[in-house]
N, C-alpha and C. Protein backbone atom coordinates (compact mmCIF):
# COMPACT_ATOMS: atom_id res chain seq x y z
N MET A 1 113.16 95.96 84.95
CA MET A 1 113.12 96.15 86.34
C MET A 1 114.49 96.92 86.34
N GLU A 2 114.24 97.92 87.58
CA GLU A 2 115.64 98.80 87.47
C GLU A 2 116.15 98.23 88.94
N PHE A 3 117.49 98.37 89.11
CA PHE A 3 118.44 98.20 90.36
C PHE A 3 119.02 99.22 90.60
N GLU A 4 118.92 99.95 91.77
CA GLU A 4 119.45 101.33 92.17
C GLU A 4 120.33 100.76 93.59
N LYS A 5 121.28 101.18 93.68
CA LYS A 5 121.70 100.90 94.81
C LYS A 5 122.99 102.45 95.67
N ILE A 6 122.88 102.47 96.78
CA ILE A 6 123.40 103.63 97.31
C ILE A 6 124.12 102.80 98.60
N ASN A 7 125.64 102.88 98.18
CA ASN A 7 126.54 102.52 99.17
C ASN A 7 127.24 103.27 100.01
N ASP A 8 127.15 103.45 101.31
CA ASP A 8 127.71 104.22 102.19
C ASP A 8 128.58 103.73 103.25
N GLY A 9 129.82 103.34 102.84
CA GLY A 9 130.53 102.47 103.47
C GLY A 9 130.03 101.04 103.89
N LYS A 10 129.77 101.08 105.20
CA LYS A 10 129.28 99.66 105.53
C LYS A 10 127.66 99.43 105.53
N ALA A 11 127.16 100.48 105.05
CA ALA A 11 125.54 100.65 105.04
C ALA A 11 125.26 100.55 103.30
N MET A 12 124.12 99.84 103.07
CA MET A 12 123.84 99.79 101.77
C MET A 12 122.36 99.53 101.62
N THR A 13 121.72 100.65 100.51
CA THR A 13 120.52 100.57 100.31
C THR A 13 120.23 100.24 98.86
N VAL A 14 119.58 99.09 98.82
CA VAL A 14 119.23 98.60 97.49
C VAL A 14 117.64 98.83 96.81
N ARG A 15 117.36 99.43 95.82
CA ARG A 15 115.89 99.68 95.68
C ARG A 15 115.88 98.77 94.20
N LEU A 16 114.81 98.04 94.49
CA LEU A 16 114.24 97.16 93.17
C LEU A 16 112.94 98.07 92.73
N ILE A 17 112.95 98.40 91.23
CA ILE A 17 111.94 98.79 90.71
C ILE A 17 111.29 97.94 89.67
N GLY A 18 110.21 97.90 89.73
CA GLY A 18 109.51 97.31 88.61
C GLY A 18 108.92 95.48 89.03
N GLU A 19 109.70 94.77 88.37
CA GLU A 19 109.27 93.36 88.45
C GLU A 19 110.55 92.66 88.62
N VAL A 20 110.76 91.80 89.53
CA VAL A 20 111.64 90.82 89.67
C VAL A 20 111.26 89.35 89.71
N ASP A 21 111.76 88.87 88.60
CA ASP A 21 111.26 87.49 88.19
C ASP A 21 112.37 86.70 87.46
N SER A 22 112.01 85.48 87.25
CA SER A 22 113.46 84.61 86.60
C SER A 22 113.91 85.36 85.48
N MET A 23 113.23 86.22 84.93
CA MET A 23 114.13 86.80 83.42
C MET A 23 115.30 87.75 84.08
N ASN A 24 115.26 88.34 84.94
CA ASN A 24 116.48 89.24 85.70
C ASN A 24 116.91 88.91 86.89
N ILE A 25 116.35 87.92 87.65
CA ILE A 25 116.90 87.45 88.95
C ILE A 25 118.80 87.25 88.81
N ALA A 26 118.98 86.57 87.68
CA ALA A 26 120.31 86.18 87.59
C ALA A 26 121.60 87.58 87.81
N GLU A 27 120.80 88.51 86.93
CA GLU A 27 121.63 89.86 87.28
C GLU A 27 121.70 90.61 88.49
N ILE A 28 120.35 90.35 88.94
CA ILE A 28 120.55 90.99 90.44
C ILE A 28 121.20 90.26 91.38
N GLU A 29 120.89 88.86 91.25
CA GLU A 29 121.82 88.17 92.34
C GLU A 29 123.23 88.25 91.99
N GLU A 30 123.99 88.50 90.98
CA GLU A 30 125.24 88.49 90.55
C GLU A 30 125.95 90.18 91.23
N LYS A 31 124.85 90.74 91.13
CA LYS A 31 125.30 92.49 91.28
C LYS A 31 125.59 92.52 92.82
N LEU A 32 124.38 91.57 93.48
CA LEU A 32 124.35 91.88 95.08
C LEU A 32 125.32 91.09 95.65
N LEU A 33 125.77 89.76 95.13
CA LEU A 33 126.79 89.22 95.90
C LEU A 33 128.06 89.85 95.41
N LYS A 34 128.32 90.60 94.63
CA LYS A 34 129.72 91.29 94.29
C LYS A 34 129.66 92.69 95.41
N GLU A 35 128.52 93.25 95.89
CA GLU A 35 128.30 94.42 96.24
C GLU A 35 128.16 94.27 97.98
N VAL A 36 127.94 93.15 98.39
CA VAL A 36 127.54 93.11 99.89
C VAL A 36 128.68 92.80 100.97
N GLU A 37 129.84 92.38 100.37
CA GLU A 37 131.23 92.13 100.73
C GLU A 37 131.43 93.40 101.88
N GLY A 38 131.55 92.92 103.22
CA GLY A 38 132.05 94.31 103.81
C GLY A 38 130.82 95.04 104.51
N VAL A 39 129.77 95.12 103.72
CA VAL A 39 128.64 95.76 104.28
C VAL A 39 127.84 94.88 105.61
N THR A 40 127.62 95.74 106.56
CA THR A 40 126.81 95.26 107.92
C THR A 40 125.76 95.56 107.93
N ASP A 41 125.36 96.49 107.19
CA ASP A 41 123.87 96.93 107.05
C ASP A 41 123.19 97.31 105.85
N LEU A 42 122.45 96.26 105.34
CA LEU A 42 121.54 96.02 104.16
C LEU A 42 119.93 96.39 104.20
N THR A 43 119.70 97.08 103.46
CA THR A 43 118.44 97.66 103.39
C THR A 43 117.69 97.34 101.91
N PHE A 44 116.84 96.57 101.71
CA PHE A 44 116.12 96.95 100.35
C PHE A 44 114.80 97.65 100.77
N ASP A 45 114.77 98.77 99.63
CA ASP A 45 113.61 99.43 99.58
C ASP A 45 113.00 99.20 98.32
N LEU A 46 111.86 98.76 98.73
CA LEU A 46 110.76 97.87 97.86
C LEU A 46 109.54 98.93 97.50
N GLU A 47 109.57 100.23 97.79
CA GLU A 47 108.37 100.93 97.55
C GLU A 47 108.02 100.91 95.90
N GLN A 48 108.81 100.80 94.88
CA GLN A 48 108.61 100.81 93.57
C GLN A 48 108.49 99.22 92.89
N LEU A 49 108.76 98.35 93.93
CA LEU A 49 108.71 97.02 93.43
C LEU A 49 107.14 96.59 93.00
N GLU A 50 106.75 96.15 92.17
CA GLU A 50 105.25 95.71 91.67
C GLU A 50 105.21 94.33 91.71
N TYR A 51 106.14 93.49 91.80
CA TYR A 51 105.79 92.00 91.73
C TYR A 51 107.48 91.39 91.73
N ILE A 52 107.21 90.44 92.82
CA ILE A 52 108.52 89.43 93.06
C ILE A 52 108.13 87.99 92.84
N SER A 53 108.97 87.09 92.00
CA SER A 53 108.87 85.86 91.74
C SER A 53 109.59 85.14 92.78
N SER A 54 109.02 83.59 92.61
CA SER A 54 109.83 82.58 93.86
C SER A 54 111.27 82.86 93.67
N ALA A 55 111.84 83.00 92.33
CA ALA A 55 113.34 83.18 92.26
C ALA A 55 113.70 84.41 92.96
N GLY A 56 112.91 85.51 92.96
CA GLY A 56 113.44 86.83 93.94
C GLY A 56 113.23 86.62 95.38
N LEU A 57 112.38 85.95 95.45
CA LEU A 57 112.10 85.26 97.24
C LEU A 57 113.67 84.68 97.49
N ARG A 58 113.83 83.58 96.54
CA ARG A 58 115.00 83.17 96.95
C ARG A 58 116.24 83.90 97.16
N VAL A 59 116.35 84.72 96.24
CA VAL A 59 117.33 85.64 96.40
C VAL A 59 117.74 86.46 97.76
N LEU A 60 116.00 87.29 98.07
CA LEU A 60 115.91 87.77 99.31
C LEU A 60 116.46 87.00 100.52
N LEU A 61 115.99 85.74 100.68
CA LEU A 61 116.32 84.54 101.79
C LEU A 61 117.58 84.43 101.74
N GLN A 62 118.42 84.20 100.46
CA GLN A 62 119.81 83.99 100.35
C GLN A 62 120.80 85.47 100.89
N MET A 63 120.31 86.57 100.71
CA MET A 63 120.54 87.88 101.23
C MET A 63 120.85 87.91 102.73
N GLN A 64 119.48 87.41 102.94
CA GLN A 64 119.22 87.27 104.82
C GLN A 64 120.32 86.46 105.40
N LYS A 65 120.59 85.26 104.86
CA LYS A 65 121.22 84.19 105.65
C LYS A 65 122.73 84.86 105.46
N LEU A 66 123.19 85.45 104.31
CA LEU A 66 124.72 85.83 104.23
C LEU A 66 124.78 87.23 104.99
N MET A 67 123.41 87.89 105.40
CA MET A 67 123.86 89.02 106.32
C MET A 67 123.46 88.88 107.87
N LYS A 68 122.80 87.76 108.18
CA LYS A 68 122.89 87.26 109.44
C LYS A 68 124.46 87.12 109.90
N ALA A 69 125.59 86.56 109.26
CA ALA A 69 126.79 86.18 109.18
C ALA A 69 127.39 87.63 109.35
N GLN A 70 127.04 88.63 108.74
CA GLN A 70 128.22 89.92 108.75
C GLN A 70 127.29 91.02 109.20
N GLY A 71 125.95 91.01 109.48
CA GLY A 71 125.32 92.34 110.11
C GLY A 71 123.75 92.25 109.73
N THR A 72 123.15 92.79 109.43
CA THR A 72 121.76 92.99 109.70
C THR A 72 121.18 93.30 107.96
N MET A 73 119.70 92.78 107.81
CA MET A 73 119.32 93.18 106.50
C MET A 73 117.46 93.43 106.92
N THR A 74 117.40 94.52 106.30
CA THR A 74 116.01 95.21 106.77
C THR A 74 115.27 95.41 105.40
N ILE A 75 113.92 95.04 105.10
CA ILE A 75 113.49 95.39 104.10
C ILE A 75 112.30 96.59 104.40
N ARG A 76 112.20 97.61 103.81
CA ARG A 76 110.96 98.31 104.15
C ARG A 76 110.32 99.06 102.80
N ASN A 77 109.30 100.04 103.13
CA ASN A 77 108.55 100.43 102.08
C ASN A 77 108.07 99.40 101.06
N VAL A 78 107.50 98.58 101.68
CA VAL A 78 106.70 97.21 101.10
C VAL A 78 105.37 97.55 100.58
N ASN A 79 104.95 97.65 99.40
CA ASN A 79 103.48 98.07 99.01
C ASN A 79 102.51 96.85 99.31
N GLU A 80 101.45 97.05 99.09
CA GLU A 80 100.40 96.23 99.51
C GLU A 80 100.56 94.87 98.47
N ASP A 81 100.77 94.87 97.36
CA ASP A 81 100.51 93.80 96.65
C ASP A 81 102.06 92.63 96.68
N VAL A 82 103.03 93.31 97.00
CA VAL A 82 104.24 92.45 97.51
C VAL A 82 104.09 92.22 98.69
N MET A 83 103.50 92.73 99.69
CA MET A 83 103.52 92.43 101.30
C MET A 83 102.42 90.95 101.12
N ASP A 84 101.23 91.23 100.22
CA ASP A 84 100.35 89.97 99.98
C ASP A 84 101.39 88.74 99.82
N ILE A 85 102.09 88.81 98.60
CA ILE A 85 103.11 87.94 98.51
C ILE A 85 103.73 87.54 99.60
N PHE A 86 104.57 88.41 100.32
CA PHE A 86 105.22 88.03 101.55
C PHE A 86 104.51 87.00 102.59
N LYS A 87 103.22 87.64 102.68
CA LYS A 87 102.46 87.07 103.69
C LYS A 87 101.88 85.33 103.18
N VAL A 88 101.57 85.29 101.83
CA VAL A 88 101.02 84.01 101.39
C VAL A 88 102.32 83.07 101.60
N THR A 89 103.44 83.31 101.38
CA THR A 89 104.58 82.50 101.33
C THR A 89 105.47 82.24 102.55
N GLY A 90 104.84 83.12 103.79
CA GLY A 90 105.36 83.07 105.02
C GLY A 90 106.53 83.64 105.27
N PHE A 91 107.02 84.35 104.26
CA PHE A 91 108.34 85.26 104.30
C PHE A 91 108.04 86.28 105.31
N VAL A 92 106.57 86.53 105.79
CA VAL A 92 106.85 87.68 106.81
C VAL A 92 107.54 87.48 108.13
N ARG A 93 107.40 86.12 108.42
CA ARG A 93 108.35 85.58 109.56
C ARG A 93 109.53 85.24 109.47
N LEU A 94 110.12 85.40 108.13
CA LEU A 94 111.32 85.22 107.71
C LEU A 94 112.29 86.24 107.66
N LEU A 95 111.69 87.34 107.03
CA LEU A 95 112.54 88.82 107.11
C LEU A 95 112.21 90.03 107.94
N ASN A 96 112.74 90.61 108.00
CA ASN A 96 112.76 91.57 109.14
C ASN A 96 112.41 93.13 108.33
N ILE A 97 110.98 93.11 108.17
CA ILE A 97 110.15 94.15 107.37
C ILE A 97 109.65 94.99 108.06
N VAL A 98 110.26 96.28 108.17
CA VAL A 98 109.70 97.63 108.90
C VAL A 98 108.59 98.45 108.14
């Protein structure tokens, strides 16, 4: 799994590449919590994300709650496999997916 971020002042884009699961979610969560302070526009680009586990979904939900207090969060470029996971878990109703 790779984690890339582009920070442009108050806007930040995070690219998740590969698989997000219980083996790497702690590292991702730690980085995100450090980086989102002061960010008002958070975007997750999931174009190259192949799989996300329930632990990854939990972190997305945590980030969504955090960003509701300080700005907005958007998820974009979701591939079919990951979108299926979002649909089955009901996350399509919880997250702003474009």
